[in-house]
Amino acid sequence: MSAARVTSRISTIQRHLNAVAVVPLQYWGYTMQMSVSHDDKVIDFVTESMTVNDKMEVFHRQRRMMREMYPEYIITETHQ
């Protein structure tokens, strides 16, 4: 893997860590999991036990942030 490719991957990981740091992944009884496949250009969100308010305040903010970072990626959602 070239140095430029490694630098690009590290930069991507840093952006993800910054995005995750803004919104807690587990808080007040709900969970939200996000996985990103850069090869397939897909972002998967899985949430559990989120109230309507949690979805509006936390999930939608996180989804919007990822949409701004990766506008060409497909975002999938699973709410349990």
PDB file of N, CA and C in Angstrom:
ATOM      1  N   MET A   1       0.851  -1.164   0.000  1.00  0.00           N
ATOM      2  CA  MET A   1       0.000   0.000   0.000  1.00  0.00           C
ATOM      3  C   MET A   1       0.905   1.237   0.000  1.00  0.00           C
ATOM      4  N   SER A   2       0.577   2.177  -0.861  1.00  0.00           N
ATOM      5  CA  SER A   2       1.414   3.372  -0.987  1.00  0.00           C
ATOM      6  C   SER A   2       1.254   4.275   0.237  1.00  0.00           C
ATOM      7  N   ALA A   3       2.219   5.143   0.414  1.00  0.00           N
ATOM      8  CA  ALA A   3       2.194   6.079   1.548  1.00  0.00           C
ATOM      9  C   ALA A   3       0.985   7.007   1.451  1.00  0.00           C
ATOM     10  N   ALA A   4       0.634   7.421   0.251  1.00  0.00           N
ATOM     11  CA  ALA A   4      -0.520   8.304   0.076  1.00  0.00           C
ATOM     12  C   ALA A   4      -1.810   7.590   0.478  1.00  0.00           C
ATOM     13  N   ARG A   5      -1.914   6.322   0.135  1.00  0.00           N
ATOM     14  CA  ARG A   5      -3.097   5.529   0.484  1.00  0.00           C
ATOM     15  C   ARG A   5      -3.199   5.342   2.001  1.00  0.00           C
ATOM     16  N   VAL A   6      -2.072   5.078   2.640  1.00  0.00           N
ATOM     17  CA  VAL A   6      -2.049   4.916   4.094  1.00  0.00           C
ATOM     18  C   VAL A   6      -2.459   6.222   4.768  1.00  0.00           C
ATOM     19  N   THR A   7      -1.923   7.330   4.301  1.00  0.00           N
ATOM     20  CA  THR A   7      -2.264   8.642   4.853  1.00  0.00           C
ATOM     21  C   THR A   7      -3.756   8.922   4.684  1.00  0.00           C
ATOM     22  N   SER A   8      -4.304   8.567   3.531  1.00  0.00           N
ATOM     23  CA  SER A   8      -5.727   8.765   3.280  1.00  0.00           C
ATOM     24  C   SER A   8      -6.566   7.932   4.241  1.00  0.00           C
ATOM     25  N   ARG A   9      -6.189   6.681   4.448  1.00  0.00           N
ATOM     26  CA  ARG A   9      -6.928   5.799   5.368  1.00  0.00           C
ATOM     27  C   ARG A   9      -6.862   6.330   6.805  1.00  0.00           C
ATOM     28  N   ILE A  10      -5.692   6.793   7.229  1.00  0.00           N
ATOM     29  CA  ILE A  10      -5.542   7.335   8.586  1.00  0.00           C
ATOM     30  C   ILE A  10      -6.407   8.576   8.754  1.00  0.00           C
ATOM     31  N   SER A  11      -6.433   9.424   7.749  1.00  0.00           N
ATOM     32  CA  SER A  11      -7.269  10.622   7.803  1.00  0.00           C
ATOM     33  C   SER A  11      -8.742  10.248   7.927  1.00  0.00           C
ATOM     34  N   THR A  12      -9.165   9.247   7.191  1.00  0.00           N
ATOM     35  CA  THR A  12     -10.553   8.784   7.253  1.00  0.00           C
ATOM     36  C   THR A  12     -10.882   8.262   8.641  1.00  0.00           C
ATOM     37  N   ILE A  13     -10.004   7.469   9.213  1.00  0.00           N
ATOM     38  CA  ILE A  13     -10.227   6.932  10.550  1.00  0.00           C
ATOM     39  C   ILE A  13     -10.315   8.062  11.571  1.00  0.00           C
ATOM     40  N   GLN A  14      -9.467   9.072  11.438  1.00  0.00           N
ATOM     41  CA  GLN A  14      -9.506  10.207  12.367  1.00  0.00           C
ATOM     42  C   GLN A  14     -10.839  10.943  12.281  1.00  0.00           C
ATOM     43  N   ARG A  15     -11.366  11.121  11.068  1.00  0.00           N
ATOM     44  CA  ARG A  15     -12.669  11.784  10.913  1.00  0.00           C
ATOM     45  C   ARG A  15     -13.761  10.970  11.574  1.00  0.00           C
ATOM     46  N   HIS A  16     -13.699   9.652  11.448  1.00  0.00           N
ATOM     47  CA  HIS A  16     -14.707   8.794  12.073  1.00  0.00           C
ATOM     48  C   HIS A  16     -14.629   8.891  13.586  1.00  0.00           C
ATOM     49  N   LEU A  17     -13.431   8.871  14.129  1.00  0.00           N
ATOM     50  CA  LEU A  17     -13.282   8.966  15.572  1.00  0.00           C
ATOM     51  C   LEU A  17     -13.797  10.301  16.081  1.00  0.00           C
ATOM     52  N   ASN A  18     -13.554  11.367  15.343  1.00  0.00           N
ATOM     53  CA  ASN A  18     -14.069  12.682  15.726  1.00  0.00           C
ATOM     54  C   ASN A  18     -15.589  12.697  15.690  1.00  0.00           C
ATOM     55  N   ALA A  19     -16.169  12.072  14.674  1.00  0.00           N
ATOM     56  CA  ALA A  19     -17.631  12.033  14.558  1.00  0.00           C
ATOM     57  C   ALA A  19     -18.236  11.227  15.694  1.00  0.00           C
ATOM     58  N   VAL A  20     -17.634  10.115  16.039  1.00  0.00           N
ATOM     59  CA  VAL A  20     -18.144   9.270  17.108  1.00  0.00           C
ATOM     60  C   VAL A  20     -17.977   9.966  18.456  1.00  0.00           C
ATOM     61  N   ALA A  21     -16.936  10.747  18.624  1.00  0.00           N
ATOM     62  CA  ALA A  21     -16.699  11.427  19.898  1.00  0.00           C
ATOM     63  C   ALA A  21     -17.781  12.455  20.199  1.00  0.00           C
ATOM     64  N   VAL A  22     -18.426  12.983  19.171  1.00  0.00           N
ATOM     65  CA  VAL A  22     -19.452  13.998  19.368  1.00  0.00           C
ATOM     66  C   VAL A  22     -20.728  13.387  19.941  1.00  0.00           C
ATOM     67  N   VAL A  23     -21.078  12.185  19.498  1.00  0.00           N
ATOM     68  CA  VAL A  23     -22.325  11.544  19.905  1.00  0.00           C
ATOM     69  C   VAL A  23     -21.994  10.243  20.628  1.00  0.00           C
ATOM     70  N   PRO A  24     -22.434  10.084  21.855  1.00  0.00           N
ATOM     71  CA  PRO A  24     -22.130   8.831  22.567  1.00  0.00           C
ATOM     72  C   PRO A  24     -22.794   7.640  21.890  1.00  0.00           C
ATOM     73  N   LEU A  25     -22.090   6.523  21.849  1.00  0.00           N
ATOM     74  CA  LEU A  25     -22.645   5.332  21.228  1.00  0.00           C
ATOM     75  C   LEU A  25     -23.595   4.597  22.166  1.00  0.00           C
ATOM     76  N   GLN A  26     -23.432   4.783  23.442  1.00  0.00           N
ATOM     77  CA  GLN A  26     -24.378   4.184  24.383  1.00  0.00           C
ATOM     78  C   GLN A  26     -24.677   5.212  25.461  1.00  0.00           C
ATOM     79  N   TYR A  27     -25.962   5.470  25.672  1.00  0.00           N
ATOM     80  CA  TYR A  27     -26.361   6.546  26.578  1.00  0.00           C
ATOM     81  C   TYR A  27     -27.816   6.351  26.949  1.00  0.00           C
ATOM     82  N   TRP A  28     -28.132   6.348  28.198  1.00  0.00           N
ATOM     83  CA  TRP A  28     -29.503   6.269  28.701  1.00  0.00           C
ATOM     84  C   TRP A  28     -30.299   5.095  28.145  1.00  0.00           C
ATOM     85  N   GLY A  29     -29.690   3.952  27.972  1.00  0.00           N
ATOM     86  CA  GLY A  29     -30.431   2.749  27.631  1.00  0.00           C
ATOM     87  C   GLY A  29     -30.587   2.462  26.150  1.00  0.00           C
ATOM     88  N   TYR A  30     -30.108   3.297  25.281  1.00  0.00           N
ATOM     89  CA  TYR A  30     -30.153   2.959  23.863  1.00  0.00           C
ATOM     90  C   TYR A  30     -28.737   2.744  23.352  1.00  0.00           C
ATOM     91  N   THR A  31     -28.642   2.092  22.216  1.00  0.00           N
ATOM     92  CA  THR A  31     -27.340   1.918  21.571  1.00  0.00           C
ATOM     93  C   THR A  31     -27.454   2.310  20.109  1.00  0.00           C
ATOM     94  N   MET A  32     -26.345   2.775  19.577  1.00  0.00           N
ATOM     95  CA  MET A  32     -26.267   3.097  18.163  1.00  0.00           C
ATOM     96  C   MET A  32     -24.926   2.597  17.670  1.00  0.00           C
ATOM     97  N   GLN A  33     -24.960   1.811  16.611  1.00  0.00           N
ATOM     98  CA  GLN A  33     -23.743   1.258  16.037  1.00  0.00           C
ATOM     99  C   GLN A  33     -23.644   1.732  14.593  1.00  0.00           C
ATOM    100  N   MET A  34     -22.444   2.088  14.197  1.00  0.00           N
ATOM    101  CA  MET A  34     -22.209   2.555  12.839  1.00  0.00           C
ATOM    102  C   MET A  34     -21.037   1.775  12.264  1.00  0.00           C
ATOM    103  N   SER A  35     -21.202   1.286  11.051  1.00  0.00           N
ATOM    104  CA  SER A  35     -20.077   0.655  10.363  1.00  0.00           C
ATOM    105  C   SER A  35     -19.988   1.256   8.965  1.00  0.00           C
ATOM    106  N   VAL A  36     -18.766   1.448   8.511  1.00  0.00           N
ATOM    107  CA  VAL A  36     -18.530   2.075   7.220  1.00  0.00           C
ATOM    108  C   VAL A  36     -17.695   1.140   6.363  1.00  0.00           C
ATOM    109  N   SER A  37     -18.167   0.890   5.161  1.00  0.00           N
ATOM    110  CA  SER A  37     -17.414   0.113   4.182  1.00  0.00           C
ATOM    111  C   SER A  37     -16.991   1.066   3.074  1.00  0.00           C
ATOM    112  N   HIS A  38     -15.720   1.426   3.077  1.00  0.00           N
ATOM    113  CA  HIS A  38     -15.241   2.376   2.072  1.00  0.00           C
ATOM    114  C   HIS A  38     -15.140   1.739   0.697  1.00  0.00           C
ATOM    115  N   ASP A  39     -14.889   0.443   0.670  1.00  0.00           N
ATOM    116  CA  ASP A  39     -14.817  -0.239  -0.626  1.00  0.00           C
ATOM    117  C   ASP A  39     -16.179  -0.251  -1.321  1.00  0.00           C
ATOM    118  N   ASP A  40     -17.246  -0.492  -0.546  1.00  0.00           N
ATOM    119  CA  ASP A  40     -18.601  -0.540  -1.105  1.00  0.00           C
ATOM    120  C   ASP A  40     -19.306   0.808  -1.060  1.00  0.00           C
ATOM    121  N   LYS A  41     -18.714   1.781  -0.373  1.00  0.00           N
ATOM    122  CA  LYS A  41     -19.294   3.114  -0.186  1.00  0.00           C
ATOM    123  C   LYS A  41     -20.670   3.026   0.472  1.00  0.00           C
ATOM    124  N   VAL A  42     -20.703   2.290   1.607  1.00  0.00           N
ATOM    125  CA  VAL A  42     -21.946   2.102   2.356  1.00  0.00           C
ATOM    126  C   VAL A  42     -21.693   2.408   3.829  1.00  0.00           C
ATOM    127  N   ILE A  43     -22.633   3.119   4.437  1.00  0.00           N
ATOM    128  CA  ILE A  43     -22.610   3.382   5.873  1.00  0.00           C
ATOM    129  C   ILE A  43     -23.853   2.723   6.461  1.00  0.00           C
ATOM    130  N   ASP A  44     -23.648   1.823   7.414  1.00  0.00           N
ATOM    131  CA  ASP A  44     -24.752   1.112   8.063  1.00  0.00           C
ATOM    132  C   ASP A  44     -24.932   1.636   9.481  1.00  0.00           C
ATOM    133  N   PHE A  45     -26.154   2.026   9.813  1.00  0.00           N
ATOM    134  CA  PHE A  45     -26.507   2.403  11.174  1.00  0.00           C
ATOM    135  C   PHE A  45     -27.450   1.348  11.736  1.00  0.00           C
ATOM    136  N   VAL A  46     -27.203   0.920  12.957  1.00  0.00           N
ATOM    137  CA  VAL A  46     -28.111   0.022  13.679  1.00  0.00           C
ATOM    138  C   VAL A  46     -28.370   0.657  15.037  1.00  0.00           C
ATOM    139  N   THR A  47     -29.645   0.852  15.360  1.00  0.00           N
ATOM    140  CA  THR A  47     -30.000   1.436  16.653  1.00  0.00           C
ATOM    141  C   THR A  47     -30.912   0.470  17.403  1.00  0.00           C
ATOM    142  N   GLU A  48     -30.851   0.549  18.726  1.00  0.00           N
ATOM    143  CA  GLU A  48     -31.730  -0.242  19.584  1.00  0.00           C
ATOM    144  C   GLU A  48     -32.274   0.639  20.696  1.00  0.00           C
ATOM    145  N   SER A  49     -33.534   0.477  20.954  1.00  0.00           N
ATOM    146  CA  SER A  49     -34.209   1.111  22.099  1.00  0.00           C
ATOM    147  C   SER A  49     -34.130   2.631  22.085  1.00  0.00           C
ATOM    148  N   MET A  50     -34.194   3.231  20.925  1.00  0.00           N
ATOM    149  CA  MET A  50     -34.176   4.693  20.854  1.00  0.00           C
ATOM    150  C   MET A  50     -35.599   5.224  20.879  1.00  0.00           C
ATOM    151  N   THR A  51     -35.818   6.243  21.687  1.00  0.00           N
ATOM    152  CA  THR A  51     -37.112   6.914  21.680  1.00  0.00           C
ATOM    153  C   THR A  51     -37.175   7.828  20.462  1.00  0.00           C
ATOM    154  N   VAL A  52     -38.358   8.351  20.206  1.00  0.00           N
ATOM    155  CA  VAL A  52     -38.509   9.277  19.076  1.00  0.00           C
ATOM    156  C   VAL A  52     -37.599  10.486  19.280  1.00  0.00           C
ATOM    157  N   ASN A  53     -37.513  10.998  20.505  1.00  0.00           N
ATOM    158  CA  ASN A  53     -36.640  12.146  20.780  1.00  0.00           C
ATOM    159  C   ASN A  53     -35.170  11.799  20.558  1.00  0.00           C
ATOM    160  N   ASP A  54     -34.762  10.594  20.987  1.00  0.00           N
ATOM    161  CA  ASP A  54     -33.380  10.162  20.766  1.00  0.00           C
ATOM    162  C   ASP A  54     -33.061  10.129  19.278  1.00  0.00           C
ATOM    163  N   LYS A  55     -33.995   9.591  18.505  1.00  0.00           N
ATOM    164  CA  LYS A  55     -33.774   9.514  17.056  1.00  0.00           C
ATOM    165  C   LYS A  55     -33.635  10.904  16.457  1.00  0.00           C
ATOM    166  N   MET A  56     -34.494  11.822  16.893  1.00  0.00           N
ATOM    167  CA  MET A  56     -34.456  13.175  16.337  1.00  0.00           C
ATOM    168  C   MET A  56     -33.185  13.913  16.732  1.00  0.00           C
ATOM    169  N   GLU A  57     -32.777  13.773  17.982  1.00  0.00           N
ATOM    170  CA  GLU A  57     -31.644  14.555  18.475  1.00  0.00           C
ATOM    171  C   GLU A  57     -30.295  13.915  18.186  1.00  0.00           C
ATOM    172  N   VAL A  58     -30.193  12.608  18.304  1.00  0.00           N
ATOM    173  CA  VAL A  58     -28.896  11.940  18.204  1.00  0.00           C
ATOM    174  C   VAL A  58     -28.698  11.295  16.836  1.00  0.00           C
ATOM    175  N   PHE A  59     -29.613  10.417  16.480  1.00  0.00           N
ATOM    176  CA  PHE A  59     -29.440   9.653  15.249  1.00  0.00           C
ATOM    177  C   PHE A  59     -29.413  10.549  14.019  1.00  0.00           C
ATOM    178  N   HIS A  60     -30.370  11.442  13.890  1.00  0.00           N
ATOM    179  CA  HIS A  60     -30.431  12.298  12.706  1.00  0.00           C
ATOM    180  C   HIS A  60     -29.218  13.228  12.604  1.00  0.00           C
ATOM    181  N   ARG A  61     -28.737  13.685  13.749  1.00  0.00           N
ATOM    182  CA  ARG A  61     -27.533  14.531  13.738  1.00  0.00           C
ATOM    183  C   ARG A  61     -26.322  13.739  13.244  1.00  0.00           C
ATOM    184  N   GLN A  62     -26.181  12.504  13.734  1.00  0.00           N
ATOM    185  CA  GLN A  62     -25.061  11.656  13.315  1.00  0.00           C
ATOM    186  C   GLN A  62     -25.171  11.308  11.835  1.00  0.00           C
ATOM    187  N   ARG A  63     -26.370  10.988  11.389  1.00  0.00           N
ATOM    188  CA  ARG A  63     -26.577  10.648   9.978  1.00  0.00           C
ATOM    189  C   ARG A  63     -26.267  11.860   9.083  1.00  0.00           C
ATOM    190  N   ARG A  64     -26.719  13.028   9.491  1.00  0.00           N
ATOM    191  CA  ARG A  64     -26.456  14.243   8.716  1.00  0.00           C
ATOM    192  C   ARG A  64     -24.946  14.523   8.638  1.00  0.00           C
ATOM    193  N   MET A  65     -24.241  14.317   9.759  1.00  0.00           N
ATOM    194  CA  MET A  65     -22.793  14.524   9.787  1.00  0.00           C
ATOM    195  C   MET A  65     -22.090  13.575   8.805  1.00  0.00           C
ATOM    196  N   MET A  66     -22.499  12.312   8.812  1.00  0.00           N
ATOM    197  CA  MET A  66     -21.887  11.343   7.894  1.00  0.00           C
ATOM    198  C   MET A  66     -22.243  11.655   6.441  1.00  0.00           C
ATOM    199  N   ARG A  67     -23.460  12.134   6.202  1.00  0.00           N
ATOM    200  CA  ARG A  67     -23.876  12.511   4.842  1.00  0.00           C
ATOM    201  C   ARG A  67     -23.019  13.671   4.326  1.00  0.00           C
ATOM    202  N   GLU A  68     -22.692  14.613   5.198  1.00  0.00           N
ATOM    203  CA  GLU A  68     -21.846  15.739   4.797  1.00  0.00           C
ATOM    204  C   GLU A  68     -20.414  15.285   4.526  1.00  0.00           C
ATOM    205  N   MET A  69     -19.915  14.326   5.320  1.00  0.00           N
ATOM    206  CA  MET A  69     -18.552  13.830   5.135  1.00  0.00           C
ATOM    207  C   MET A  69     -18.435  12.940   3.904  1.00  0.00           C
ATOM    208  N   TYR A  70     -19.468  12.155   3.634  1.00  0.00           N
ATOM    209  CA  TYR A  70     -19.444  11.174   2.539  1.00  0.00           C
ATOM    210  C   TYR A  70     -20.721  11.286   1.712  1.00  0.00           C
ATOM    211  N   PRO A  71     -20.861  12.341   0.912  1.00  0.00           N
ATOM    212  CA  PRO A  71     -22.122  12.541   0.174  1.00  0.00           C
ATOM    213  C   PRO A  71     -22.411  11.456  -0.866  1.00  0.00           C
ATOM    214  N   GLU A  72     -21.381  10.757  -1.331  1.00  0.00           N
ATOM    215  CA  GLU A  72     -21.589   9.748  -2.370  1.00  0.00           C
ATOM    216  C   GLU A  72     -21.872   8.359  -1.795  1.00  0.00           C
ATOM    217  N   TYR A  73     -21.856   8.212  -0.477  1.00  0.00           N
ATOM    218  CA  TYR A  73     -22.075   6.900   0.152  1.00  0.00           C
ATOM    219  C   TYR A  73     -23.572   6.642   0.338  1.00  0.00           C
ATOM    220  N   ILE A  74     -23.950   5.373   0.306  1.00  0.00           N
ATOM    221  CA  ILE A  74     -25.313   4.952   0.600  1.00  0.00           C
ATOM    222  C   ILE A  74     -25.410   4.752   2.116  1.00  0.00           C
ATOM    223  N   ILE A  75     -26.483   5.275   2.708  1.00  0.00           N
ATOM    224  CA  ILE A  75     -26.684   5.113   4.154  1.00  0.00           C
ATOM    225  C   ILE A  75     -27.873   4.190   4.372  1.00  0.00           C
ATOM    226  N   THR A  76     -27.633   3.122   5.135  1.00  0.00           N
ATOM    227  CA  THR A  76     -28.717   2.209   5.499  1.00  0.00           C
ATOM    228  C   THR A  76     -28.983   2.335   6.988  1.00  0.00           C
ATOM    229  N   GLU A  77     -30.230   2.069   7.388  1.00  0.00           N
ATOM    230  CA  GLU A  77     -30.641   2.202   8.781  1.00  0.00           C
ATOM    231  C   GLU A  77     -31.424   0.967   9.202  1.00  0.00           C
ATOM    232  N   THR A  78     -31.162   0.493  10.395  1.00  0.00           N
ATOM    233  CA  THR A  78     -31.966  -0.553  11.008  1.00  0.00           C
ATOM    234  C   THR A  78     -32.281  -0.106  12.425  1.00  0.00           C
ATOM    235  N   HIS A  79     -33.578   0.035  12.724  1.00  0.00           N
ATOM    236  CA  HIS A  79     -34.007   0.461  14.055  1.00  0.00           C
ATOM    237  C   HIS A  79     -34.712  -0.720  14.724  1.00  0.00           C
ATOM    238  N   GLN A  80     -34.215  -1.118  15.884  1.00  0.00           N
ATOM    239  CA  GLN A  80     -34.799  -2.267  16.593  1.00  0.00           C
ATOM    240  C   GLN A  80     -35.433  -1.810  17.873  1.00  0.00           C
TER     241      GLN A  80
END
